[in-house]
Amino acid sequence: MNEISRSDAYSAAGVDITAGYQAVELMKSSIARTMTQGVVSGIGGFGGVFEPDLTGMAHPVLVSGTDGVGTKLKIAMLMDRHDTVGIDCVAMCVNDVICCGAKPIFFLDYIACGKNYPEKIAALVAGVAEGCVQAGAALVGGETAEMPGFYPEDEYDLAGFAVGVVDKDRIIDHQTMRPGDVMLALPSSGVHSNGFSLVRKVFDIENADLAAPRAELSGKSLGETLLTPTKIYVKPVLALLSEVPVSGISHITGGGFYENIPRSIPDGLCVQIDRSKVKVPEIFHLIQKAGNITERDMFNTYNMGVGMTVVVHPEDQERALQILQENGENAYVLGTITEGQEKIVIC
């Protein structure tokens, strides 16, 4: 720990520099788990240095994504459990990057807090590191900002930034989509990291018993269910892309089906989704019932059990499902691409 860099005046203002050093020491083992062959610099420099392996790429293109965890963090704070939301942070970024067909190669995080509790910061970074391991990306840097008077002492925010790379000729081209193509659903792990402002309102979350087992959730607690990390789809989707032509990928985040799926559908086409095929987890039924929310609003806010969609040609459907199954995804047929102007119809 650096004892030379110490300011009594700054400490009196609420910023403990030495706590920052302690947090860095505690997180080093987590960061080490994410180191890939391309990492050039270690922790502690002013910038993360990464040398990408561009072997076999004629025209490499960088793809970037940034996002945060949102008000799901309130659940983590209320539960005093901070080792899962880092996975959400990574997932929200790398799942976007993979929609272009890009392989995430490195990640950076940003944590802002009212008071730097080293063990809490280390737990947050451990979650980020786990997400990076799942995505195959290196955690090459980050920032922890202690901001007394701006955030309450026990509160924090968490955001991240991912960079991926793809050969220009292999970027997902929606214009290859055609009527008759099949949309596959990759199941979500739950609410993921969207719509938590509504979740908190529906359950009056600050006053709810988050730890009590609930029959509607097969005996799991509300807190445990809501903190289930966002699934990271990078490895199964990369496996699929290596063998099957894909004409569209959508990451189902805030805005649900109606906002996200049309982003991968070109003008003049529409996906017809059979509502009866959507495998909806228990938590969404509970949210809808507790909040008296219309089904249209549920599909326009939440992923409803579908974390990502992939469009393939009909002749590739069975092979695509097989590859996804071999890589841990119980994917299923969600809908069919037709001609139309609405881009999405759920019926």
Protein backbone atom coordinates (compact mmCIF):
# COMPACT_ATOMS: atom_id res chain seq x y z
CA MET A 1 0.00 0.00 0.00
CA ASN A 2 1.28 3.47 -0.87
CA GLU A 3 1.75 5.32 2.44
CA ILE A 4 3.57 8.26 0.83
CA SER A 5 0.50 9.52 -1.04
CA ARG A 6 -1.62 10.51 1.91
CA SER A 7 -3.56 13.72 2.52
CA ASP A 8 -5.03 14.51 5.92
CA ALA A 9 -6.88 17.48 4.41
CA TYR A 10 -8.48 15.35 1.67
CA SER A 11 -9.37 12.71 4.27
CA ALA A 12 -11.08 15.37 6.39
CA ALA A 13 -13.14 16.27 3.30
CA GLY A 14 -14.35 12.67 3.09
CA VAL A 15 -11.99 11.11 0.54
CA ASP A 16 -9.73 8.34 1.84
CA ILE A 17 -6.93 7.83 -0.68
CA THR A 18 -5.50 4.87 1.23
CA ALA A 19 -8.87 3.08 1.04
CA GLY A 20 -8.52 3.29 -2.72
CA TYR A 21 -5.13 1.60 -2.57
CA GLN A 22 -6.55 -1.12 -0.35
CA ALA A 23 -9.42 -1.72 -2.77
CA VAL A 24 -6.93 -2.09 -5.63
CA GLU A 25 -4.96 -4.68 -3.67
CA LEU A 26 -8.14 -6.64 -2.90
CA MET A 27 -9.29 -6.67 -6.53
CA LYS A 28 -5.99 -7.76 -8.11
CA SER A 29 -6.72 -11.48 -7.90
CA SER A 30 -10.11 -10.98 -9.58
CA ILE A 31 -8.59 -8.93 -12.38
CA ALA A 32 -5.89 -11.58 -12.91
CA ARG A 33 -8.64 -14.08 -13.83
CA THR A 34 -9.51 -12.01 -16.90
CA MET A 35 -6.05 -11.65 -18.40
CA THR A 36 -5.96 -12.80 -22.01
CA GLN A 37 -3.07 -13.08 -24.44
CA GLY A 38 -3.59 -9.57 -25.78
CA VAL A 39 -3.07 -7.73 -22.49
CA VAL A 40 0.18 -5.74 -22.59
CA SER A 41 -0.02 -3.60 -19.46
CA GLY A 42 -0.91 -4.52 -15.90
CA ILE A 43 -3.08 -2.74 -13.37
CA GLY A 44 -1.87 0.63 -12.09
CA GLY A 45 -0.97 2.48 -15.29
CA PHE A 46 -2.79 5.43 -16.78
CA GLY A 47 -4.31 3.40 -19.60
CA GLY A 48 -5.01 -0.21 -20.43
CA VAL A 49 -2.89 -1.46 -23.33
CA PHE A 50 -4.17 -4.31 -25.49
CA GLU A 51 -2.67 -5.91 -28.59
CA PRO A 52 -5.50 -7.63 -30.49
CA ASP A 53 -4.95 -10.82 -32.46
CA LEU A 54 -6.11 -9.89 -35.95
CA THR A 55 -5.01 -13.13 -37.59
CA GLY A 56 -7.28 -14.01 -40.50
CA MET A 57 -9.04 -10.64 -40.56
CA ALA A 58 -8.77 -8.74 -43.83
CA HIS A 59 -10.46 -5.56 -42.56
CA PRO A 60 -10.74 -5.55 -38.74
CA VAL A 61 -13.36 -3.20 -37.33
CA LEU A 62 -13.68 -2.14 -33.69
CA VAL A 63 -17.14 -2.24 -32.10
CA SER A 64 -17.75 -0.50 -28.77
CA GLY A 65 -20.54 -0.51 -26.21
CA THR A 66 -21.19 1.21 -22.91
CA ASP A 67 -23.90 0.85 -20.29
CA GLY A 68 -24.63 0.72 -16.58
CA VAL A 69 -26.62 -1.46 -14.23
CA GLY A 70 -29.33 1.09 -13.46
CA THR A 71 -31.56 0.98 -10.41
CA LYS A 72 -31.06 -2.77 -9.99
CA LEU A 73 -28.20 -1.51 -7.83
CA LYS A 74 -30.79 -0.49 -5.24
CA ILE A 75 -31.67 -4.17 -4.76
CA ALA A 76 -27.99 -5.02 -4.26
CA MET A 77 -27.66 -2.26 -1.67
CA LEU A 78 -30.79 -3.33 0.20
CA MET A 79 -29.61 -6.97 0.18
CA ASP A 80 -26.03 -5.90 0.98
CA ARG A 81 -24.86 -8.21 -1.77
CA HIS A 82 -22.50 -6.69 -4.30
CA ASP A 83 -20.83 -9.60 -6.12
CA THR A 84 -23.39 -10.12 -8.89
CA VAL A 85 -24.17 -6.68 -10.33
CA GLY A 86 -20.71 -6.50 -11.91
CA ILE A 87 -21.78 -9.40 -14.14
CA ASP A 88 -24.80 -7.32 -15.17
CA CYS A 89 -22.52 -4.41 -16.01
CA VAL A 90 -20.39 -6.51 -18.35
CA ALA A 91 -23.39 -8.29 -19.85
CA MET A 92 -25.18 -5.09 -20.81
CA CYS A 93 -22.14 -4.03 -22.85
CA VAL A 94 -20.85 -7.25 -24.39
CA ASN A 95 -24.31 -8.51 -25.34
CA ASP A 96 -24.72 -5.32 -27.38
CA VAL A 97 -21.32 -5.72 -29.03
CA ILE A 98 -22.05 -9.30 -30.08
CA CYS A 99 -25.16 -8.13 -31.95
CA CYS A 100 -22.81 -6.78 -34.63
CA GLY A 101 -20.97 -10.09 -34.76
CA ALA A 102 -17.97 -8.73 -32.85
CA LYS A 103 -15.94 -10.66 -30.28
CA PRO A 104 -15.45 -8.58 -27.10
CA ILE A 105 -11.73 -8.25 -26.38
CA PHE A 106 -11.47 -5.89 -23.41
CA PHE A 107 -13.54 -4.09 -20.80
CA LEU A 108 -13.20 -1.15 -18.41
CA ASP A 109 -15.40 -0.32 -15.42
CA TYR A 110 -16.31 2.86 -13.55
CA ILE A 111 -17.50 2.89 -9.93
CA ALA A 112 -18.67 6.07 -8.20
CA CYS A 113 -19.43 5.90 -4.49
CA GLY A 114 -20.15 8.05 -1.47
CA LYS A 115 -17.52 6.26 0.60
CA ASN A 116 -14.88 3.80 -0.49
CA TYR A 117 -15.38 0.60 1.48
CA PRO A 118 -12.55 -1.53 0.04
CA GLU A 119 -14.28 -4.89 0.55
CA LYS A 120 -17.44 -3.64 -1.17
CA ILE A 121 -15.50 -2.22 -4.12
CA ALA A 122 -13.54 -5.46 -4.39
CA ALA A 123 -16.82 -7.45 -4.45
CA LEU A 124 -18.14 -5.23 -7.25
CA VAL A 125 -14.97 -5.75 -9.28
CA ALA A 126 -15.06 -9.50 -8.60
CA GLY A 127 -18.46 -9.54 -10.32
CA VAL A 128 -17.09 -7.51 -13.23
CA ALA A 129 -14.20 -9.96 -13.52
CA GLU A 130 -16.58 -12.93 -13.54
CA GLY A 131 -18.55 -11.27 -16.34
CA CYS A 132 -15.35 -10.69 -18.29
CA VAL A 133 -14.37 -14.35 -17.88
CA GLN A 134 -17.78 -15.42 -19.18
CA ALA A 135 -17.38 -13.08 -22.16
CA GLY A 136 -13.74 -13.94 -22.86
CA ALA A 137 -12.74 -10.29 -22.44
CA ALA A 138 -9.86 -8.84 -20.44
CA LEU A 139 -10.51 -6.30 -17.68
CA VAL A 140 -7.76 -3.85 -18.64
CA GLY A 141 -8.64 -0.91 -16.41
CA GLY A 142 -11.18 0.99 -14.40
CA GLU A 143 -11.85 3.89 -12.08
CA THR A 144 -13.20 4.19 -8.57
CA ALA A 145 -14.36 7.71 -7.70
CA GLU A 146 -15.10 8.50 -4.07
CA MET A 147 -17.58 11.39 -4.11
CA PRO A 148 -18.71 12.38 -0.58
CA GLY A 149 -21.67 14.73 -0.51
CA PHE A 150 -22.67 13.66 -4.00
CA TYR A 151 -23.62 10.06 -3.19
CA PRO A 152 -24.82 8.84 0.22
CA GLU A 153 -22.08 6.91 2.03
CA ASP A 154 -23.56 3.46 1.39
CA GLU A 155 -24.55 4.04 -2.25
CA TYR A 156 -22.69 3.70 -5.52
CA ASP A 157 -23.11 3.60 -9.29
CA LEU A 158 -21.51 1.16 -11.69
CA ALA A 159 -20.98 1.47 -15.43
CA GLY A 160 -18.71 -0.08 -18.02
CA PHE A 161 -17.30 0.06 -21.51
CA ALA A 162 -16.50 -2.82 -23.88
CA VAL A 163 -14.56 -3.02 -27.13
CA GLY A 164 -14.84 -5.87 -29.60
CA VAL A 165 -13.45 -6.65 -33.02
CA VAL A 166 -14.92 -8.20 -36.15
CA ASP A 167 -13.80 -8.61 -39.75
CA LYS A 168 -15.74 -6.05 -41.81
CA ASP A 169 -17.06 -8.76 -44.12
CA ARG A 170 -18.51 -10.62 -41.13
CA ILE A 171 -20.49 -7.76 -39.58
CA ILE A 172 -24.12 -8.87 -39.28
CA ASP A 173 -25.91 -7.63 -42.40
CA HIS A 174 -29.65 -7.24 -41.82
CA GLN A 175 -30.16 -6.80 -45.55
CA THR A 176 -29.59 -10.54 -46.01
CA MET A 177 -32.82 -11.20 -44.09
CA ARG A 178 -35.71 -12.48 -46.20
CA PRO A 179 -39.30 -13.68 -45.79
CA GLY A 180 -39.37 -17.19 -44.42
CA ASP A 181 -36.36 -16.71 -42.17
CA VAL A 182 -36.72 -18.00 -38.62
CA MET A 183 -36.26 -16.06 -35.38
CA LEU A 184 -34.79 -18.05 -32.51
CA ALA A 185 -35.13 -17.13 -28.84
CA LEU A 186 -32.23 -17.43 -26.41
CA PRO A 187 -33.77 -17.62 -22.92
CA SER A 188 -32.99 -14.99 -20.31
CA SER A 189 -32.00 -15.69 -16.72
CA GLY A 190 -34.77 -13.41 -15.44
CA VAL A 191 -35.33 -9.67 -15.37
CA HIS A 192 -31.68 -9.04 -16.33
CA SER A 193 -30.95 -5.34 -15.76
CA ASN A 194 -33.94 -3.45 -17.14
CA GLY A 195 -37.22 -2.07 -15.86
CA PHE A 196 -36.12 -1.94 -12.24
CA SER A 197 -37.69 1.45 -11.60
CA LEU A 198 -41.02 -0.24 -12.29
CA VAL A 199 -40.01 -3.32 -10.28
CA ARG A 200 -39.19 -1.14 -7.29
CA LYS A 201 -42.50 0.69 -7.55
CA VAL A 202 -44.56 -2.49 -7.97
CA PHE A 203 -43.07 -4.21 -4.92
CA ASP A 204 -42.50 -1.07 -2.81
CA ILE A 205 -39.02 -2.47 -2.67
CA GLU A 206 -37.63 -0.35 0.18
CA ASN A 207 -40.31 -1.78 2.48
CA ALA A 208 -40.52 -5.32 1.05
CA ASP A 209 -39.19 -8.47 2.71
CA LEU A 210 -36.59 -9.36 0.11
CA ALA A 211 -35.26 -12.42 1.92
CA ALA A 212 -38.51 -14.34 2.54
CA PRO A 213 -39.16 -17.43 0.36
CA ARG A 214 -42.10 -16.92 -2.00
CA ALA A 215 -44.34 -19.67 -3.33
CA GLU A 216 -44.85 -17.75 -6.60
CA LEU A 217 -41.08 -18.01 -7.19
CA SER A 218 -40.80 -21.73 -6.41
CA GLY A 219 -39.57 -20.97 -2.91
CA LYS A 220 -36.87 -18.49 -3.88
CA SER A 221 -36.86 -15.04 -2.32
CA LEU A 222 -37.77 -11.90 -4.24
CA GLY A 223 -34.33 -10.40 -3.61
CA GLU A 224 -32.46 -13.48 -4.79
CA THR A 225 -34.61 -13.70 -7.92
CA LEU A 226 -34.21 -10.05 -8.83
CA LEU A 227 -30.43 -10.14 -8.31
CA THR A 228 -29.98 -13.06 -10.71
CA PRO A 229 -27.28 -11.75 -13.08
CA THR A 230 -27.90 -10.95 -16.72
CA LYS A 231 -26.96 -13.86 -18.94
CA ILE A 232 -23.93 -13.32 -21.16
CA TYR A 233 -24.49 -14.72 -24.66
CA VAL A 234 -21.08 -14.07 -26.21
CA LYS A 235 -19.63 -17.58 -26.41
CA PRO A 236 -22.71 -19.42 -27.74
CA VAL A 237 -23.38 -16.69 -30.31
CA LEU A 238 -19.75 -16.68 -31.48
CA ALA A 239 -19.97 -20.45 -31.86
CA LEU A 240 -23.12 -20.03 -33.94
CA LEU A 241 -21.59 -17.30 -36.12
CA SER A 242 -18.60 -19.50 -36.89
CA GLU A 243 -20.80 -22.09 -38.59
CA VAL A 244 -24.15 -20.59 -39.64
CA PRO A 245 -25.08 -17.42 -41.57
CA VAL A 246 -27.02 -15.07 -39.27
CA SER A 247 -29.09 -12.18 -40.64
CA GLY A 248 -30.06 -10.43 -37.42
CA ILE A 249 -29.38 -10.37 -33.67
CA SER A 250 -31.23 -8.35 -31.02
CA HIS A 251 -30.32 -7.92 -27.36
CA ILE A 252 -33.60 -7.54 -25.46
CA THR A 253 -33.04 -4.77 -22.93
CA GLY A 254 -35.09 -1.75 -21.82
CA GLY A 255 -38.00 -1.31 -24.21
CA GLY A 256 -38.54 -5.05 -24.40
CA PHE A 257 -39.65 -6.76 -27.59
CA TYR A 258 -41.21 -3.71 -29.21
CA GLU A 259 -38.14 -1.49 -29.06
CA ASN A 260 -35.27 -3.93 -29.51
CA ILE A 261 -36.37 -6.56 -32.01
CA PRO A 262 -37.29 -4.02 -34.75
CA ARG A 263 -33.71 -2.68 -34.61
CA SER A 264 -32.53 -5.84 -36.38
CA ILE A 265 -35.41 -6.01 -38.88
CA PRO A 266 -34.92 -4.14 -42.19
CA ASP A 267 -37.67 -1.97 -43.65
CA GLY A 268 -40.34 -3.92 -45.49
CA LEU A 269 -40.07 -6.98 -43.27
CA CYS A 270 -41.86 -8.04 -40.08
CA VAL A 271 -41.41 -10.80 -37.54
CA GLN A 272 -44.58 -12.66 -36.60
CA ILE A 273 -44.14 -13.90 -33.03
CA ASP A 274 -46.41 -16.60 -31.65
CA ARG A 275 -47.19 -15.41 -28.10
CA SER A 276 -47.93 -18.97 -26.97
CA LYS A 277 -44.33 -19.97 -27.73
CA VAL A 278 -42.75 -17.39 -25.41
CA LYS A 279 -41.45 -19.17 -22.31
CA VAL A 280 -42.14 -16.60 -19.58
CA PRO A 281 -40.43 -17.10 -16.18
CA GLU A 282 -42.40 -16.83 -12.92
CA ILE A 283 -40.99 -13.45 -11.94
CA PHE A 284 -42.68 -11.73 -14.87
CA HIS A 285 -46.08 -13.19 -13.97
CA LEU A 286 -45.55 -11.91 -10.42
CA ILE A 287 -44.57 -8.41 -11.61
CA GLN A 288 -47.57 -8.23 -13.92
CA LYS A 289 -50.00 -9.38 -11.25
CA ALA A 290 -48.57 -7.23 -8.45
CA GLY A 291 -48.51 -4.12 -10.62
CA ASN A 292 -51.71 -4.77 -12.57
CA ILE A 293 -49.70 -4.20 -15.75
CA THR A 294 -51.06 -4.89 -19.22
CA GLU A 295 -49.38 -7.60 -21.28
CA ARG A 296 -48.52 -5.01 -23.94
CA ASP A 297 -46.64 -2.95 -21.34
CA MET A 298 -44.86 -6.04 -20.04
CA PHE A 299 -43.57 -6.88 -23.52
CA ASN A 300 -42.64 -3.22 -24.01
CA THR A 301 -40.61 -3.07 -20.77
CA TYR A 302 -39.11 -6.49 -20.05
CA ASN A 303 -37.42 -9.32 -21.91
CA MET A 304 -40.22 -11.69 -20.79
CA GLY A 305 -37.82 -14.62 -20.76
CA VAL A 306 -36.09 -13.88 -24.07
CA GLY A 307 -32.69 -12.26 -23.56
CA MET A 308 -31.57 -12.34 -27.17
CA THR A 309 -33.03 -13.20 -30.57
CA VAL A 310 -31.18 -14.56 -33.61
CA VAL A 311 -32.50 -14.76 -37.17
CA VAL A 312 -31.32 -17.56 -39.48
CA HIS A 313 -32.40 -18.92 -42.85
CA PRO A 314 -34.88 -21.84 -42.60
CA GLU A 315 -32.40 -24.33 -44.03
CA ASP A 316 -30.04 -23.50 -41.14
CA GLN A 317 -32.64 -23.68 -38.35
CA GLU A 318 -31.90 -27.18 -37.06
CA ARG A 319 -28.13 -26.75 -37.19
CA ALA A 320 -28.41 -23.40 -35.40
CA LEU A 321 -30.52 -24.88 -32.62
CA GLN A 322 -28.05 -27.75 -32.28
CA ILE A 323 -25.03 -25.44 -31.99
CA LEU A 324 -26.76 -23.28 -29.39
CA GLN A 325 -27.82 -26.36 -27.43
CA GLU A 326 -24.24 -27.69 -27.49
CA ASN A 327 -23.14 -24.35 -26.03
CA GLY A 328 -25.60 -24.32 -23.16
CA GLU A 329 -28.50 -22.42 -24.71
CA ASN A 330 -31.96 -24.02 -24.76
CA ALA A 331 -32.94 -21.95 -27.77
CA TYR A 332 -36.28 -22.37 -29.50
CA VAL A 333 -38.20 -21.02 -32.49
CA LEU A 334 -39.91 -17.73 -31.58
CA GLY A 335 -41.28 -16.46 -34.88
CA THR A 336 -41.06 -16.13 -38.64
CA ILE A 337 -40.00 -13.26 -40.89
CA THR A 338 -42.69 -12.09 -43.32
CA GLU A 339 -43.27 -9.11 -45.55
CA GLY A 340 -44.81 -6.16 -43.71
CA GLN A 341 -44.32 -2.63 -42.45
CA GLU A 342 -44.84 -3.11 -38.69
CA LYS A 343 -41.51 -4.93 -38.10
CA ILE A 344 -42.98 -6.86 -35.15
CA VAL A 345 -46.35 -8.45 -34.47
CA ILE A 346 -47.04 -10.55 -31.36
CA CYS A 347 -50.15 -12.64 -31.81
